[in-house]
Amino acid sequence: MSRIRAAYWDPEGTRHGGLPTYWWRGAPAGYATRRQLRAAGLCPGRQPIAAQVLWAGVGGTRAAYLYRLDRARPKRTATAAQRRAIRAALRARRTCPTCGEIRDYYIPRSLSECLTCHDR
């Protein structure tokens, strides 16, 4: 075991704040980060952090928290009404209040109108 791996190997959590700690890619099966849960269509489901992964990164030690896969829940999906509301809000951000045109880009809040109207 290398020095770096040995520094981050603490499966009982005695040295790292009570959390079981593993090195990068050294966690046992059954644990996943939030990003890995999201990719699998799951969420932590209000469970506490089960473990952590530490690695040496730019500017110091970096950490990622791990959650237990057996306690993860299916990710909630947006309802049809929520999707409609989001679509309407994003369309409003692309609609120029001056000319009423719907643009292919979001209207800059600093200008409060589309680039064409602002250049006139």
C-alpha atoms as a PDB file:
ATOM      1  CA  MET A   1       0.000   0.000   0.000  1.00  0.00           C
ATOM      2  CA  SER A   2       1.474   3.371  -0.996  1.00  0.00           C
ATOM      3  CA  ARG A   3       1.945   6.210   1.485  1.00  0.00           C
ATOM      4  CA  ILE A   4      -0.912   8.227   0.016  1.00  0.00           C
ATOM      5  CA  ARG A   5      -3.302   5.301   0.098  1.00  0.00           C
ATOM      6  CA  ALA A   6      -2.252   4.495   3.667  1.00  0.00           C
ATOM      7  CA  ALA A   7      -2.917   8.118   4.713  1.00  0.00           C
ATOM      8  CA  TYR A   8      -6.513   7.888   3.440  1.00  0.00           C
ATOM      9  CA  TRP A   9      -7.228   4.318   4.597  1.00  0.00           C
ATOM     10  CA  ASP A  10      -9.406   4.482   7.711  1.00  0.00           C
ATOM     11  CA  PRO A  11     -12.362   2.071   7.408  1.00  0.00           C
ATOM     12  CA  GLU A  12     -13.263   2.465  11.086  1.00  0.00           C
ATOM     13  CA  GLY A  13     -13.240   6.283  10.968  1.00  0.00           C
ATOM     14  CA  THR A  14     -10.932   6.773  13.949  1.00  0.00           C
ATOM     15  CA  ARG A  15      -8.673   9.389  12.281  1.00  0.00           C
ATOM     16  CA  HIS A  16     -11.082  11.248   9.991  1.00  0.00           C
ATOM     17  CA  GLY A  17     -13.939  12.543  12.093  1.00  0.00           C
ATOM     18  CA  GLY A  18     -15.798   9.291  12.661  1.00  0.00           C
ATOM     19  CA  LEU A  19     -16.506   8.614   8.982  1.00  0.00           C
ATOM     20  CA  PRO A  20     -15.071   5.532   7.330  1.00  0.00           C
ATOM     21  CA  THR A  21     -12.483   6.871   4.890  1.00  0.00           C
ATOM     22  CA  TYR A  22     -11.087   5.337   1.725  1.00  0.00           C
ATOM     23  CA  TRP A  23      -8.695   6.460  -0.999  1.00  0.00           C
ATOM     24  CA  TRP A  24      -9.770   7.367  -4.515  1.00  0.00           C
ATOM     25  CA  ARG A  25     -11.345   4.305  -6.165  1.00  0.00           C
ATOM     26  CA  GLY A  26     -10.720   2.295  -3.008  1.00  0.00           C
ATOM     27  CA  ALA A  27     -14.230   2.247  -1.528  1.00  0.00           C
ATOM     28  CA  PRO A  28     -15.911  -1.148  -1.188  1.00  0.00           C
ATOM     29  CA  ALA A  29     -18.928  -2.102  -3.283  1.00  0.00           C
ATOM     30  CA  GLY A  30     -22.270  -0.854  -2.042  1.00  0.00           C
ATOM     31  CA  TYR A  31     -21.315   2.823  -1.769  1.00  0.00           C
ATOM     32  CA  ALA A  32     -21.824   5.601  -4.320  1.00  0.00           C
ATOM     33  CA  THR A  33     -21.402   9.376  -4.587  1.00  0.00           C
ATOM     34  CA  ARG A  34     -24.338  11.682  -5.336  1.00  0.00           C
ATOM     35  CA  ARG A  35     -23.207  11.907  -8.946  1.00  0.00           C
ATOM     36  CA  GLN A  36     -23.113   8.122  -9.291  1.00  0.00           C
ATOM     37  CA  LEU A  37     -26.547   7.822  -7.657  1.00  0.00           C
ATOM     38  CA  ARG A  38     -27.974  10.435 -10.028  1.00  0.00           C
ATOM     39  CA  ALA A  39     -26.538   8.588 -13.048  1.00  0.00           C
ATOM     40  CA  ALA A  40     -28.310   5.443 -11.839  1.00  0.00           C
ATOM     41  CA  GLY A  41     -31.629   7.288 -11.403  1.00  0.00           C
ATOM     42  CA  LEU A  42     -31.389   7.298  -7.599  1.00  0.00           C
ATOM     43  CA  CYS A  43     -31.053   9.854  -4.794  1.00  0.00           C
ATOM     44  CA  PRO A  44     -29.685   9.511  -1.230  1.00  0.00           C
ATOM     45  CA  GLY A  45     -33.190   9.599   0.235  1.00  0.00           C
ATOM     46  CA  ARG A  46     -32.419  11.494   3.486  1.00  0.00           C
ATOM     47  CA  GLN A  47     -29.862   8.949   4.624  1.00  0.00           C
ATOM     48  CA  PRO A  48     -26.787  10.226   6.475  1.00  0.00           C
ATOM     49  CA  ILE A  49     -23.356  10.223   4.864  1.00  0.00           C
ATOM     50  CA  ALA A  50     -22.025   6.680   5.173  1.00  0.00           C
ATOM     51  CA  ALA A  51     -18.350   7.158   4.240  1.00  0.00           C
ATOM     52  CA  GLN A  52     -15.956   9.451   2.421  1.00  0.00           C
ATOM     53  CA  VAL A  53     -13.292   9.223  -0.243  1.00  0.00           C
ATOM     54  CA  LEU A  54     -10.173  11.396   0.077  1.00  0.00           C
ATOM     55  CA  TRP A  55      -7.525  12.181  -2.512  1.00  0.00           C
ATOM     56  CA  ALA A  56      -4.706  14.660  -2.991  1.00  0.00           C
ATOM     57  CA  GLY A  57      -5.919  17.386  -5.321  1.00  0.00           C
ATOM     58  CA  VAL A  58      -4.778  20.798  -6.453  1.00  0.00           C
ATOM     59  CA  GLY A  59      -4.631  23.026  -3.389  1.00  0.00           C
ATOM     60  CA  GLY A  60      -4.849  20.238  -0.819  1.00  0.00           C
ATOM     61  CA  THR A  61      -6.909  17.224   0.103  1.00  0.00           C
ATOM     62  CA  ARG A  62     -10.209  16.752  -1.710  1.00  0.00           C
ATOM     63  CA  ALA A  63     -13.208  14.752  -0.483  1.00  0.00           C
ATOM     64  CA  ALA A  64     -16.351  13.123  -1.850  1.00  0.00           C
ATOM     65  CA  TYR A  65     -19.069  11.734   0.376  1.00  0.00           C
ATOM     66  CA  LEU A  66     -20.475   8.262  -0.131  1.00  0.00           C
ATOM     67  CA  TYR A  67     -24.005   6.969   0.452  1.00  0.00           C
ATOM     68  CA  ARG A  68     -25.218   3.392   0.809  1.00  0.00           C
ATOM     69  CA  LEU A  69     -26.794   1.965  -2.338  1.00  0.00           C
ATOM     70  CA  ASP A  70     -29.222  -0.253  -0.430  1.00  0.00           C
ATOM     71  CA  ARG A  71     -30.783   2.816   1.224  1.00  0.00           C
ATOM     72  CA  ALA A  72     -30.991   4.934  -1.942  1.00  0.00           C
ATOM     73  CA  ARG A  73     -34.423   5.812  -3.314  1.00  0.00           C
ATOM     74  CA  PRO A  74     -35.637   6.353  -6.866  1.00  0.00           C
ATOM     75  CA  LYS A  75     -35.158   9.914  -8.087  1.00  0.00           C
ATOM     76  CA  ARG A  76     -38.311  12.021  -8.247  1.00  0.00           C
ATOM     77  CA  THR A  77     -39.325  13.061 -11.737  1.00  0.00           C
ATOM     78  CA  ALA A  78     -40.971  16.360 -12.605  1.00  0.00           C
ATOM     79  CA  THR A  79     -44.710  16.357 -13.220  1.00  0.00           C
ATOM     80  CA  ALA A  80     -46.168  17.543 -16.513  1.00  0.00           C
ATOM     81  CA  ALA A  81     -47.258  20.824 -14.881  1.00  0.00           C
ATOM     82  CA  GLN A  82     -43.740  21.434 -13.532  1.00  0.00           C
ATOM     83  CA  ARG A  83     -42.220  20.779 -16.960  1.00  0.00           C
ATOM     84  CA  ARG A  84     -44.708  23.215 -18.542  1.00  0.00           C
ATOM     85  CA  ALA A  85     -43.837  25.871 -15.951  1.00  0.00           C
ATOM     86  CA  ILE A  86     -40.105  25.451 -16.554  1.00  0.00           C
ATOM     87  CA  ARG A  87     -40.609  25.607 -20.327  1.00  0.00           C
ATOM     88  CA  ALA A  88     -42.660  28.834 -19.952  1.00  0.00           C
ATOM     89  CA  ALA A  89     -40.071  30.419 -17.661  1.00  0.00           C
ATOM     90  CA  LEU A  90     -37.211  29.620 -20.047  1.00  0.00           C
ATOM     91  CA  ARG A  91     -39.223  30.978 -22.981  1.00  0.00           C
ATOM     92  CA  ALA A  92     -39.858  34.204 -21.037  1.00  0.00           C
ATOM     93  CA  ARG A  93     -36.098  34.613 -20.576  1.00  0.00           C
ATOM     94  CA  ARG A  94     -35.696  34.466 -24.382  1.00  0.00           C
ATOM     95  CA  THR A  95     -38.540  36.898 -25.196  1.00  0.00           C
ATOM     96  CA  CYS A  96     -37.514  40.529 -25.725  1.00  0.00           C
ATOM     97  CA  PRO A  97     -39.849  42.944 -23.888  1.00  0.00           C
ATOM     98  CA  THR A  98     -39.138  45.713 -26.425  1.00  0.00           C
ATOM     99  CA  CYS A  99     -39.833  43.973 -29.757  1.00  0.00           C
ATOM    100  CA  GLY A 100     -41.592  40.825 -28.508  1.00  0.00           C
ATOM    101  CA  GLU A 101     -39.329  38.513 -30.553  1.00  0.00           C
ATOM    102  CA  ILE A 102     -38.339  35.123 -29.175  1.00  0.00           C
ATOM    103  CA  ARG A 103     -34.577  34.850 -29.524  1.00  0.00           C
ATOM    104  CA  ASP A 104     -32.296  31.801 -29.695  1.00  0.00           C
ATOM    105  CA  TYR A 105     -30.404  33.079 -26.649  1.00  0.00           C
ATOM    106  CA  TYR A 106     -31.318  34.308 -23.190  1.00  0.00           C
ATOM    107  CA  ILE A 107     -31.841  38.070 -23.005  1.00  0.00           C
ATOM    108  CA  PRO A 108     -29.015  39.584 -20.886  1.00  0.00           C
ATOM    109  CA  ARG A 109     -30.425  40.958 -17.642  1.00  0.00           C
ATOM    110  CA  SER A 110     -27.910  43.782 -17.756  1.00  0.00           C
ATOM    111  CA  LEU A 111     -29.437  45.028 -21.028  1.00  0.00           C
ATOM    112  CA  SER A 112     -33.073  43.987 -20.357  1.00  0.00           C
ATOM    113  CA  GLU A 113     -33.644  43.712 -24.111  1.00  0.00           C
ATOM    114  CA  CYS A 114     -32.311  41.682 -27.031  1.00  0.00           C
ATOM    115  CA  LEU A 115     -29.022  42.600 -28.674  1.00  0.00           C
ATOM    116  CA  THR A 116     -30.766  43.867 -31.814  1.00  0.00           C
ATOM    117  CA  CYS A 117     -32.931  46.317 -29.848  1.00  0.00           C
ATOM    118  CA  HIS A 118     -29.987  47.379 -27.739  1.00  0.00           C
ATOM    119  CA  ASP A 119     -27.855  48.188 -30.819  1.00  0.00           C
ATOM    120  CA  ARG A 120     -30.559  50.475 -32.283  1.00  0.00           C
END
